[in-house]
Amino acid sequence: DGYARSTPATDAAIDVARDALGLDLESTYTGKAMAALLDDA
């Protein structure tokens, strides 16, 4: 919905990145990139 606004897919991707990969992501940039990767994978 806008810059720096998270989405459910972003929040879920942040959780996966933390639990599965040990990555500390955030919701403005990297969480959205991870959401795209997870969706395609």
Full PDB file with SEQRES, HELIX, SHEET, SSBOND, CRYST1, ORIGX, SCALE, CONECT and MASTER records, all heavy atoms in Angstrom:
SEQRES   1 A   41  ASP GLY TYR ALA ARG SER THR PRO ALA THR ASP ALA ALA          
SEQRES   2 A   41  ILE ASP VAL ALA ARG ASP ALA LEU GLY LEU ASP LEU GLU          
SEQRES   3 A   41  SER THR TYR THR GLY LYS ALA MET ALA ALA LEU LEU ASP          
SEQRES   4 A   41  ASP ALA                                                      
HELIX    1 AA1 PRO A    8  VAL A   16  1                                   9    
HELIX    2 AA2 ALA A   17  LEU A   21  3                                   5    
HELIX    3 AA3 THR A   30  ASP A   40  1                                  11    
CRYST1    1.000    1.000    1.000  90.00  90.00  90.00 P 1           1          
ORIGX1      1.000000  0.000000  0.000000        0.00000                         
ORIGX2      0.000000  1.000000  0.000000        0.00000                         
ORIGX3      0.000000  0.000000  1.000000        0.00000                         
SCALE1      1.000000  0.000000  0.000000        0.00000                         
SCALE2      0.000000  1.000000  0.000000        0.00000                         
SCALE3      0.000000  0.000000  1.000000        0.00000                         
ATOM      1  N   ASP A   1       0.793  -1.229   0.000  1.00  0.00           N  
ATOM      2  CA  ASP A   1       0.000   0.000   0.000  1.00  0.00           C  
ATOM      3  C   ASP A   1       0.825   1.279   0.000  1.00  0.00           C  
ATOM      4  O   ASP A   1       0.257   2.367   0.011  1.00  0.00           O  
ATOM      5  CB  ASP A   1      -0.923   0.024   1.229  1.00  0.00           C  
ATOM      6  CG  ASP A   1      -1.998  -1.045   1.155  1.00  0.00           C  
ATOM      7  OD1 ASP A   1      -2.370  -1.435   0.025  1.00  0.00           O  
ATOM      8  OD2 ASP A   1      -2.451  -1.500   2.215  1.00  0.00           O  
ATOM      9  N   GLY A   2       2.144   1.172   0.026  1.00  0.00           N  
ATOM     10  CA  GLY A   2       2.950   2.380   0.017  1.00  0.00           C  
ATOM     11  C   GLY A   2       4.342   2.134   0.558  1.00  0.00           C  
ATOM     12  O   GLY A   2       4.648   1.068   1.104  1.00  0.00           O  
ATOM     13  N   TYR A   3       5.178   3.155   0.393  1.00  0.00           N  
ATOM     14  CA  TYR A   3       6.558   3.050   0.846  1.00  0.00           C  
ATOM     15  C   TYR A   3       6.604   2.848   2.361  1.00  0.00           C  
ATOM     16  O   TYR A   3       5.891   3.530   3.112  1.00  0.00           O  
ATOM     17  CB  TYR A   3       7.325   4.318   0.472  1.00  0.00           C  
ATOM     18  CG  TYR A   3       8.765   4.300   0.932  1.00  0.00           C  
ATOM     19  CD1 TYR A   3       9.706   3.530   0.263  1.00  0.00           C  
ATOM     20  CD2 TYR A   3       9.170   5.029   2.047  1.00  0.00           C  
ATOM     21  CE1 TYR A   3      11.022   3.489   0.683  1.00  0.00           C  
ATOM     22  CE2 TYR A   3      10.487   4.990   2.473  1.00  0.00           C  
ATOM     23  CZ  TYR A   3      11.402   4.221   1.789  1.00  0.00           C  
ATOM     24  OH  TYR A   3      12.708   4.178   2.225  1.00  0.00           O  
ATOM     25  N   ALA A   4       7.434   1.912   2.776  1.00  0.00           N  
ATOM     26  CA  ALA A   4       7.657   1.600   4.200  1.00  0.00           C  
ATOM     27  C   ALA A   4       6.429   0.998   4.878  1.00  0.00           C  
ATOM     28  O   ALA A   4       6.379   0.919   6.099  1.00  0.00           O  
ATOM     29  CB  ALA A   4       8.139   2.825   4.967  1.00  0.00           C  
ATOM     30  N   ARG A   5       5.457   0.572   4.083  1.00  0.00           N  
ATOM     31  CA  ARG A   5       4.285  -0.102   4.638  1.00  0.00           C  
ATOM     32  C   ARG A   5       4.408  -1.603   4.389  1.00  0.00           C  
ATOM     33  O   ARG A   5       4.566  -2.039   3.251  1.00  0.00           O  
ATOM     34  CB  ARG A   5       2.990   0.437   4.018  1.00  0.00           C  
ATOM     35  CG  ARG A   5       2.741   1.897   4.357  1.00  0.00           C  
ATOM     36  CD  ARG A   5       1.415   2.381   3.789  1.00  0.00           C  
ATOM     37  NE  ARG A   5       1.179   3.787   4.068  1.00  0.00           N  
ATOM     38  CZ  ARG A   5       0.665   4.259   5.191  1.00  0.00           C  
ATOM     39  NH1 ARG A   5       0.294   3.405   6.145  1.00  0.00           N  
ATOM     40  NH2 ARG A   5       0.492   5.551   5.377  1.00  0.00           N  
ATOM     41  N   SER A   6       4.332  -2.359   5.437  1.00  0.00           N  
ATOM     42  CA  SER A   6       4.498  -3.803   5.321  1.00  0.00           C  
ATOM     43  C   SER A   6       3.237  -4.458   4.780  1.00  0.00           C  
ATOM     44  O   SER A   6       2.185  -3.827   4.648  1.00  0.00           O  
ATOM     45  CB  SER A   6       4.875  -4.398   6.681  1.00  0.00           C  
ATOM     46  OG  SER A   6       5.307  -5.735   6.534  1.00  0.00           O  
ATOM     47  N   THR A   7       3.351  -5.738   4.466  1.00  0.00           N  
ATOM     48  CA  THR A   7       2.241  -6.559   4.003  1.00  0.00           C  
ATOM     49  C   THR A   7       2.310  -7.891   4.742  1.00  0.00           C  
ATOM     50  O   THR A   7       3.355  -8.253   5.294  1.00  0.00           O  
ATOM     51  CB  THR A   7       2.330  -6.820   2.489  1.00  0.00           C  
ATOM     52  OG1 THR A   7       3.474  -7.669   2.240  1.00  0.00           O  
ATOM     53  CG2 THR A   7       2.491  -5.520   1.702  1.00  0.00           C  
ATOM     54  N   PRO A   8       1.231  -8.654   4.755  1.00  0.00           N  
ATOM     55  CA  PRO A   8       1.304  -9.985   5.384  1.00  0.00           C  
ATOM     56  C   PRO A   8       2.393 -10.860   4.773  1.00  0.00           C  
ATOM     57  O   PRO A   8       3.082 -11.595   5.491  1.00  0.00           O  
ATOM     58  CB  PRO A   8      -0.096 -10.552   5.145  1.00  0.00           C  
ATOM     59  CG  PRO A   8      -0.986  -9.342   5.077  1.00  0.00           C  
ATOM     60  CD  PRO A   8      -0.154  -8.294   4.383  1.00  0.00           C  
ATOM     61  N   ALA A   9       2.566 -10.784   3.450  1.00  0.00           N  
ATOM     62  CA  ALA A   9       3.609 -11.593   2.797  1.00  0.00           C  
ATOM     63  C   ALA A   9       4.995 -11.152   3.245  1.00  0.00           C  
ATOM     64  O   ALA A   9       5.892 -11.982   3.444  1.00  0.00           O  
ATOM     65  CB  ALA A   9       3.481 -11.482   1.279  1.00  0.00           C  
ATOM     66  N   THR A  10       5.175  -9.839   3.415  1.00  0.00           N  
ATOM     67  CA  THR A  10       6.455  -9.322   3.888  1.00  0.00           C  
ATOM     68  C   THR A  10       6.744  -9.795   5.306  1.00  0.00           C  
ATOM     69  O   THR A  10       7.850 -10.262   5.613  1.00  0.00           O  
ATOM     70  CB  THR A  10       6.452  -7.784   3.847  1.00  0.00           C  
ATOM     71  OG1 THR A  10       6.211  -7.349   2.509  1.00  0.00           O  
ATOM     72  CG2 THR A  10       7.786  -7.217   4.324  1.00  0.00           C  
ATOM     73  N   ASP A  11       5.766  -9.675   6.180  1.00  0.00           N  
ATOM     74  CA  ASP A  11       5.948 -10.099   7.576  1.00  0.00           C  
ATOM     75  C   ASP A  11       6.279 -11.591   7.656  1.00  0.00           C  
ATOM     76  O   ASP A  11       7.156 -12.006   8.426  1.00  0.00           O  
ATOM     77  CB  ASP A  11       4.695  -9.795   8.390  1.00  0.00           C  
ATOM     78  CG  ASP A  11       4.432  -8.301   8.533  1.00  0.00           C  
ATOM     79  OD1 ASP A  11       5.389  -7.512   8.373  1.00  0.00           O  
ATOM     80  OD2 ASP A  11       3.265  -7.929   8.791  1.00  0.00           O  
ATOM     81  N   ALA A  12       5.590 -12.393   6.842  1.00  0.00           N  
ATOM     82  CA  ALA A  12       5.852 -13.831   6.838  1.00  0.00           C  
ATOM     83  C   ALA A  12       7.254 -14.127   6.316  1.00  0.00           C  
ATOM     84  O   ALA A  12       7.956 -15.004   6.836  1.00  0.00           O  
ATOM     85  CB  ALA A  12       4.811 -14.552   5.991  1.00  0.00           C  
ATOM     86  N   ALA A  13       7.677 -13.386   5.307  1.00  0.00           N  
ATOM     87  CA  ALA A  13       9.007 -13.595   4.731  1.00  0.00           C  
ATOM     88  C   ALA A  13      10.103 -13.246   5.731  1.00  0.00           C  
ATOM     89  O   ALA A  13      11.136 -13.918   5.800  1.00  0.00           O  
ATOM     90  CB  ALA A  13       9.155 -12.763   3.465  1.00  0.00           C  
ATOM     91  N   ILE A  14       9.888 -12.200   6.505  1.00  0.00           N  
ATOM     92  CA  ILE A  14      10.852 -11.824   7.542  1.00  0.00           C  
ATOM     93  C   ILE A  14      11.005 -12.943   8.563  1.00  0.00           C  
ATOM     94  O   ILE A  14      12.117 -13.271   8.992  1.00  0.00           O  
ATOM     95  CB  ILE A  14      10.433 -10.500   8.209  1.00  0.00           C  
ATOM     96  CG1 ILE A  14      10.573  -9.338   7.217  1.00  0.00           C  
ATOM     97  CG2 ILE A  14      11.261 -10.230   9.463  1.00  0.00           C  
ATOM     98  CD1 ILE A  14       9.990  -8.035   7.711  1.00  0.00           C  
ATOM     99  N   ASP A  15       9.882 -13.553   8.931  1.00  0.00           N  
ATOM    100  CA  ASP A  15       9.918 -14.662   9.888  1.00  0.00           C  
ATOM    101  C   ASP A  15      10.676 -15.863   9.312  1.00  0.00           C  
ATOM    102  O   ASP A  15      11.493 -16.489  10.000  1.00  0.00           O  
ATOM    103  CB  ASP A  15       8.500 -15.080  10.265  1.00  0.00           C  
ATOM    104  CG  ASP A  15       7.780 -14.041  11.125  1.00  0.00           C  
ATOM    105  OD1 ASP A  15       8.465 -13.177  11.704  1.00  0.00           O  
ATOM    106  OD2 ASP A  15       6.533 -14.101  11.188  1.00  0.00           O  
ATOM    107  N   VAL A  16      10.409 -16.185   8.046  1.00  0.00           N  
ATOM    108  CA  VAL A  16      11.098 -17.315   7.413  1.00  0.00           C  
ATOM    109  C   VAL A  16      12.594 -17.045   7.323  1.00  0.00           C  
ATOM    110  O   VAL A  16      13.421 -17.922   7.619  1.00  0.00           O  
ATOM    111  CB  VAL A  16      10.511 -17.584   6.011  1.00  0.00           C  
ATOM    112  CG1 VAL A  16      11.389 -18.583   5.247  1.00  0.00           C  
ATOM    113  CG2 VAL A  16       9.087 -18.108   6.117  1.00  0.00           C  
ATOM    114  N   ALA A  17      12.958 -15.844   6.925  1.00  0.00           N  
ATOM    115  CA  ALA A  17      14.375 -15.498   6.792  1.00  0.00           C  
ATOM    116  C   ALA A  17      15.095 -15.618   8.131  1.00  0.00           C  
ATOM    117  O   ALA A  17      16.236 -16.092   8.207  1.00  0.00           O  
ATOM    118  CB  ALA A  17      14.512 -14.091   6.241  1.00  0.00           C  
ATOM    119  N   ARG A  18      14.420 -15.196   9.188  1.00  0.00           N  
ATOM    120  CA  ARG A  18      15.023 -15.282  10.528  1.00  0.00           C  
ATOM    121  C   ARG A  18      15.163 -16.726  10.979  1.00  0.00           C  
ATOM    122  O   ARG A  18      16.237 -17.151  11.425  1.00  0.00           O  
ATOM    123  CB  ARG A  18      14.168 -14.498  11.515  1.00  0.00           C  
ATOM    124  CG  ARG A  18      14.720 -14.500  12.940  1.00  0.00           C  
ATOM    125  CD  ARG A  18      13.710 -13.956  13.941  1.00  0.00           C  
ATOM    126  NE  ARG A  18      12.503 -14.784  13.990  1.00  0.00           N  
ATOM    127  CZ  ARG A  18      11.294 -14.345  13.643  1.00  0.00           C  
ATOM    128  NH1 ARG A  18      11.088 -13.098  13.260  1.00  0.00           N  
ATOM    129  NH2 ARG A  18      10.243 -15.161  13.708  1.00  0.00           N  
ATOM    130  N   ASP A  19      14.095 -17.496  10.849  1.00  0.00           N  
ATOM    131  CA  ASP A  19      14.076 -18.842  11.407  1.00  0.00           C  
ATOM    132  C   ASP A  19      14.867 -19.840  10.559  1.00  0.00           C  
ATOM    133  O   ASP A  19      15.513 -20.746  11.103  1.00  0.00           O  
ATOM    134  CB  ASP A  19      12.627 -19.328  11.549  1.00  0.00           C  
ATOM    135  CG  ASP A  19      11.818 -18.472  12.526  1.00  0.00           C  
ATOM    136  OD1 ASP A  19      12.436 -17.799  13.370  1.00  0.00           O  
ATOM    137  OD2 ASP A  19      10.577 -18.479  12.419  1.00  0.00           O  
ATOM    138  N   ALA A  20      14.797 -19.700   9.237  1.00  0.00           N  
ATOM    139  CA  ALA A  20      15.434 -20.688   8.361  1.00  0.00           C  
ATOM    140  C   ALA A  20      16.844 -20.294   7.922  1.00  0.00           C  
ATOM    141  O   ALA A  20      17.686 -21.172   7.686  1.00  0.00           O  
ATOM    142  CB  ALA A  20      14.563 -20.917   7.121  1.00  0.00           C  
ATOM    143  N   LEU A  21      17.105 -18.991   7.823  1.00  0.00           N  
ATOM    144  CA  LEU A  21      18.385 -18.545   7.260  1.00  0.00           C  
ATOM    145  C   LEU A  21      19.218 -17.721   8.229  1.00  0.00           C  
ATOM    146  O   LEU A  21      20.372 -17.376   7.912  1.00  0.00           O  
ATOM    147  CB  LEU A  21      18.138 -17.716   5.985  1.00  0.00           C  
ATOM    148  CG  LEU A  21      17.384 -18.442   4.861  1.00  0.00           C  
ATOM    149  CD1 LEU A  21      17.048 -17.456   3.740  1.00  0.00           C  
ATOM    150  CD2 LEU A  21      18.207 -19.611   4.326  1.00  0.00           C  
ATOM    151  N   GLY A  22      18.641 -17.375   9.375  1.00  0.00           N  
ATOM    152  CA  GLY A  22      19.375 -16.554  10.332  1.00  0.00           C  
ATOM    153  C   GLY A  22      19.600 -15.137   9.863  1.00  0.00           C  
ATOM    154  O   GLY A  22      20.556 -14.476  10.283  1.00  0.00           O  
ATOM    155  N   LEU A  23      18.719 -14.635   8.996  1.00  0.00           N  
ATOM    156  CA  LEU A  23      18.844 -13.284   8.453  1.00  0.00           C  
ATOM    157  C   LEU A  23      17.910 -12.333   9.184  1.00  0.00           C  
ATOM    158  O   LEU A  23      16.747 -12.653   9.444  1.00  0.00           O  
ATOM    159  CB  LEU A  23      18.507 -13.266   6.959  1.00  0.00           C  
ATOM    160  CG  LEU A  23      19.393 -14.093   6.031  1.00  0.00           C  
ATOM    161  CD1 LEU A  23      18.890 -13.977   4.603  1.00  0.00           C  
ATOM    162  CD2 LEU A  23      20.852 -13.669   6.128  1.00  0.00           C  
ATOM    163  N   ASP A  24      18.411 -11.144   9.463  1.00  0.00           N  
ATOM    164  CA  ASP A  24      17.616 -10.094  10.100  1.00  0.00           C  
ATOM    165  C   ASP A  24      17.194  -9.106   9.018  1.00  0.00           C  
ATOM    166  O   ASP A  24      17.972  -8.244   8.626  1.00  0.00           O  
ATOM    167  CB  ASP A  24      18.449  -9.398  11.182  1.00  0.00           C  
ATOM    168  CG  ASP A  24      17.668  -8.305  11.906  1.00  0.00           C  
ATOM    169  OD1 ASP A  24      16.423  -8.333  11.845  1.00  0.00           O  
ATOM    170  OD2 ASP A  24      18.307  -7.425  12.512  1.00  0.00           O  
ATOM    171  N   LEU A  25      15.978  -9.254   8.529  1.00  0.00           N  
ATOM    172  CA  LEU A  25      15.471  -8.396   7.464  1.00  0.00           C  
ATOM    173  C   LEU A  25      14.530  -7.344   8.042  1.00  0.00           C  
ATOM    174  O   LEU A  25      14.237  -7.331   9.233  1.00  0.00           O  
ATOM    175  CB  LEU A  25      14.755  -9.235   6.398  1.00  0.00           C  
ATOM    176  CG  LEU A  25      15.555 -10.394   5.809  1.00  0.00           C  
ATOM    177  CD1 LEU A  25      14.764 -11.061   4.678  1.00  0.00           C  
ATOM    178  CD2 LEU A  25      16.924  -9.950   5.318  1.00  0.00           C  
ATOM    179  N   GLU A  26      14.059  -6.448   7.190  1.00  0.00           N  
ATOM    180  CA  GLU A  26      13.138  -5.392   7.612  1.00  0.00           C  
ATOM    181  C   GLU A  26      12.031  -5.284   6.582  1.00  0.00           C  
ATOM    182  O   GLU A  26      12.111  -5.869   5.500  1.00  0.00           O  
ATOM    183  CB  GLU A  26      13.870  -4.058   7.814  1.00  0.00           C  
ATOM    184  CG  GLU A  26      14.912  -3.707   6.756  1.00  0.00           C  
ATOM    185  CD  GLU A  26      14.324  -3.438   5.405  1.00  0.00           C  
ATOM    186  OE1 GLU A  26      13.453  -2.546   5.302  1.00  0.00           O  
ATOM    187  OE2 GLU A  26      14.748  -4.092   4.434  1.00  0.00           O  
ATOM    188  N   SER A  27      10.989  -4.528   6.905  1.00  0.00           N  
ATOM    189  CA  SER A  27       9.766  -4.572   6.097  1.00  0.00           C  
ATOM    190  C   SER A  27       9.737  -3.584   4.940  1.00  0.00           C  
ATOM    191  O   SER A  27       8.857  -3.688   4.088  1.00  0.00           O  
ATOM    192  CB  SER A  27       8.545  -4.344   6.997  1.00  0.00           C  
ATOM    193  OG  SER A  27       8.641  -3.088   7.669  1.00  0.00           O  
ATOM    194  N   THR A  28      10.671  -2.650   4.896  1.00  0.00           N  
ATOM    195  CA  THR A  28      10.629  -1.646   3.825  1.00  0.00           C  
ATOM    196  C   THR A  28      11.280  -2.151   2.546  1.00  0.00           C  
ATOM    197  O   THR A  28      10.766  -1.927   1.449  1.00  0.00           O  
ATOM    198  CB  THR A  28      11.316  -0.349   4.276  1.00  0.00           C  
ATOM    199  OG1 THR A  28      10.669   0.131   5.458  1.00  0.00           O  
ATOM    200  CG2 THR A  28      11.236   0.721   3.199  1.00  0.00           C  
ATOM    201  N   TYR A  29      12.399  -2.850   2.667  1.00  0.00           N  
ATOM    202  CA  TYR A  29      13.162  -3.293   1.493  1.00  0.00           C  
ATOM    203  C   TYR A  29      13.301  -4.815   1.431  1.00  0.00           C  
ATOM    204  O   TYR A  29      12.684  -5.480   0.615  1.00  0.00           O  
ATOM    205  CB  TYR A  29      14.561  -2.655   1.506  1.00  0.00           C  
ATOM    206  CG  TYR A  29      14.572  -1.191   1.150  1.00  0.00           C  
ATOM    207  CD1 TYR A  29      14.299  -0.219   2.098  1.00  0.00           C  
ATOM    208  CD2 TYR A  29      14.862  -0.770  -0.141  1.00  0.00           C  
ATOM    209  CE1 TYR A  29      14.311   1.128   1.776  1.00  0.00           C  
ATOM    210  CE2 TYR A  29      14.887   0.571  -0.484  1.00  0.00           C  
ATOM    211  CZ  TYR A  29      14.602   1.519   0.479  1.00  0.00           C  
ATOM    212  OH  TYR A  29      14.606   2.853   0.157  1.00  0.00           O  
ATOM    213  N   THR A  30      14.168  -5.349   2.283  1.00  0.00           N  
ATOM    214  CA  THR A  30      14.588  -6.738   2.126  1.00  0.00           C  
ATOM    215  C   THR A  30      13.471  -7.745   2.387  1.00  0.00           C  
ATOM    216  O   THR A  30      13.455  -8.821   1.785  1.00  0.00           O  
ATOM    217  CB  THR A  30      15.779  -7.032   3.048  1.00  0.00           C  
ATOM    218  OG1 THR A  30      15.485  -6.578   4.388  1.00  0.00           O  
ATOM    219  CG2 THR A  30      17.028  -6.311   2.554  1.00  0.00           C  
ATOM    220  N   GLY A  31      12.539  -7.410   3.268  1.00  0.00           N  
ATOM    221  CA  GLY A  31      11.426  -8.321   3.505  1.00  0.00           C  
ATOM    222  C   GLY A  31      10.582  -8.518   2.256  1.00  0.00           C  
ATOM    223  O   GLY A  31      10.083  -9.624   1.992  1.00  0.00           O  
ATOM    224  N   LYS A  32      10.431  -7.471   1.461  1.00  0.00           N  
ATOM    225  CA  LYS A  32       9.643  -7.576   0.232  1.00  0.00           C  
ATOM    226  C   LYS A  32      10.382  -8.380  -0.832  1.00  0.00           C  
ATOM    227  O   LYS A  32       9.766  -9.144  -1.591  1.00  0.00           O  
ATOM    228  CB  LYS A  32       9.277  -6.177  -0.260  1.00  0.00           C  
ATOM    229  CG  LYS A  32       8.297  -5.475   0.682  1.00  0.00           C  
ATOM    230  CD  LYS A  32       7.917  -4.078   0.244  1.00  0.00           C  
ATOM    231  CE  LYS A  32       6.918  -3.478   1.239  1.00  0.00           C  
ATOM    232  NZ  LYS A  32       6.484  -2.117   0.889  1.00  0.00           N  
ATOM    233  N   ALA A  33      11.714  -8.225  -0.891  1.00  0.00           N  
ATOM    234  CA  ALA A  33      12.484  -9.033  -1.830  1.00  0.00           C  
ATOM    235  C   ALA A  33      12.419 -10.508  -1.463  1.00  0.00           C  
ATOM    236  O   ALA A  33      12.283 -11.379  -2.330  1.00  0.00           O  
ATOM    237  CB  ALA A  33      13.937  -8.555  -1.862  1.00  0.00           C  
ATOM    238  N   MET A  34      12.503 -10.801  -0.172  1.00  0.00           N  
ATOM    239  CA  MET A  34      12.391 -12.189   0.263  1.00  0.00           C  
ATOM    240  C   MET A  34      10.999 -12.742  -0.001  1.00  0.00           C  
ATOM    241  O   MET A  34      10.840 -13.926  -0.354  1.00  0.00           O  
ATOM    242  CB  MET A  34      12.738 -12.307   1.751  1.00  0.00           C  
ATOM    243  CG  MET A  34      12.639 -13.716   2.318  1.00  0.00           C  
ATOM    244  SD  MET A  34      13.711 -14.939   1.491  1.00  0.00           S  
ATOM    245  CE  MET A  34      15.316 -14.478   2.168  1.00  0.00           C  
ATOM    246  N   ALA A  35       9.960 -11.923   0.137  1.00  0.00           N  
ATOM    247  CA  ALA A  35       8.599 -12.370  -0.161  1.00  0.00           C  
ATOM    248  C   ALA A  35       8.484 -12.793  -1.620  1.00  0.00           C  
ATOM    249  O   ALA A  35       7.821 -13.797  -1.936  1.00  0.00           O  
ATOM    250  CB  ALA A  35       7.598 -11.263   0.160  1.00  0.00           C  
ATOM    251  N   ALA A  36       9.126 -12.054  -2.523  1.00  0.00           N  
ATOM    252  CA  ALA A  36       9.095 -12.413  -3.937  1.00  0.00           C  
ATOM    253  C   ALA A  36       9.802 -13.745  -4.176  1.00  0.00           C  
ATOM    254  O   ALA A  36       9.317 -14.608  -4.910  1.00  0.00           O  
ATOM    255  CB  ALA A  36       9.751 -11.310  -4.769  1.00  0.00           C  
ATOM    256  N   LEU A  37      10.947 -13.924  -3.547  1.00  0.00           N  
ATOM    257  CA  LEU A  37      11.692 -15.175  -3.702  1.00  0.00           C  
ATOM    258  C   LEU A  37      10.868 -16.360  -3.195  1.00  0.00           C  
ATOM    259  O   LEU A  37      10.768 -17.397  -3.868  1.00  0.00           O  
ATOM    260  CB  LEU A  37      13.023 -15.082  -2.961  1.00  0.00           C  
ATOM    261  CG  LEU A  37      13.989 -16.255  -3.086  1.00  0.00           C  
ATOM    262  CD1 LEU A  37      15.430 -15.790  -2.875  1.00  0.00           C  
ATOM    263  CD2 LEU A  37      13.694 -17.384  -2.091  1.00  0.00           C  
ATOM    264  N   LEU A  38      10.274 -16.223  -2.016  1.00  0.00           N  
ATOM    265  CA  LEU A  38       9.503 -17.317  -1.440  1.00  0.00           C  
ATOM    266  C   LEU A  38       8.299 -17.674  -2.306  1.00  0.00           C  
ATOM    267  O   LEU A  38       7.962 -18.853  -2.476  1.00  0.00           O  
ATOM    268  CB  LEU A  38       9.043 -16.948  -0.031  1.00  0.00           C  
ATOM    269  CG  LEU A  38      10.128 -16.892   1.041  1.00  0.00           C  
ATOM    270  CD1 LEU A  38       9.558 -16.345   2.344  1.00  0.00           C  
ATOM    271  CD2 LEU A  38      10.738 -18.274   1.267  1.00  0.00           C  
ATOM    272  N   ASP A  39       7.658 -16.656  -2.848  1.00  0.00           N  
ATOM    273  CA  ASP A  39       6.492 -16.913  -3.699  1.00  0.00           C  
ATOM    274  C   ASP A  39       6.898 -17.697  -4.943  1.00  0.00           C  
ATOM    275  O   ASP A  39       6.247 -18.674  -5.309  1.00  0.00           O  
ATOM    276  CB  ASP A  39       5.845 -15.587  -4.094  1.00  0.00           C  
ATOM    277  CG  ASP A  39       4.543 -15.786  -4.848  1.00  0.00           C  
ATOM    278  OD1 ASP A  39       3.529 -16.101  -4.200  1.00  0.00           O  
ATOM    279  OD2 ASP A  39       4.544 -15.635  -6.083  1.00  0.00           O  
ATOM    280  N   ASP A  40       7.982 -17.301  -5.578  1.00  0.00           N  
ATOM    281  CA  ASP A  40       8.436 -17.997  -6.782  1.00  0.00           C  
ATOM    282  C   ASP A  40       8.946 -19.396  -6.463  1.00  0.00           C  
ATOM    283  O   ASP A  40       8.735 -20.342  -7.229  1.00  0.00           O  
ATOM    284  CB  ASP A  40       9.542 -17.198  -7.468  1.00  0.00           C  
ATOM    285  CG  ASP A  40       9.022 -15.955  -8.175  1.00  0.00           C  
ATOM    286  OD1 ASP A  40       7.802 -15.724  -8.159  1.00  0.00           O  
ATOM    287  OD2 ASP A  40       9.850 -15.195  -8.733  1.00  0.00           O  
ATOM    288  N   ALA A  41       9.652 -19.527  -5.335  1.00  0.00           N  
ATOM    289  CA  ALA A  41      10.236 -20.819  -4.980  1.00  0.00           C  
ATOM    290  C   ALA A  41       9.182 -21.879  -4.729  1.00  0.00           C  
ATOM    291  O   ALA A  41       9.447 -23.083  -4.868  1.00  0.00           O  
ATOM    292  CB  ALA A  41      11.119 -20.673  -3.747  1.00  0.00           C  
TER     293      ALA A  41                                                      
MASTER        0    0    0    3    0    0    0    6  292    1    0    4          
END                                                                             
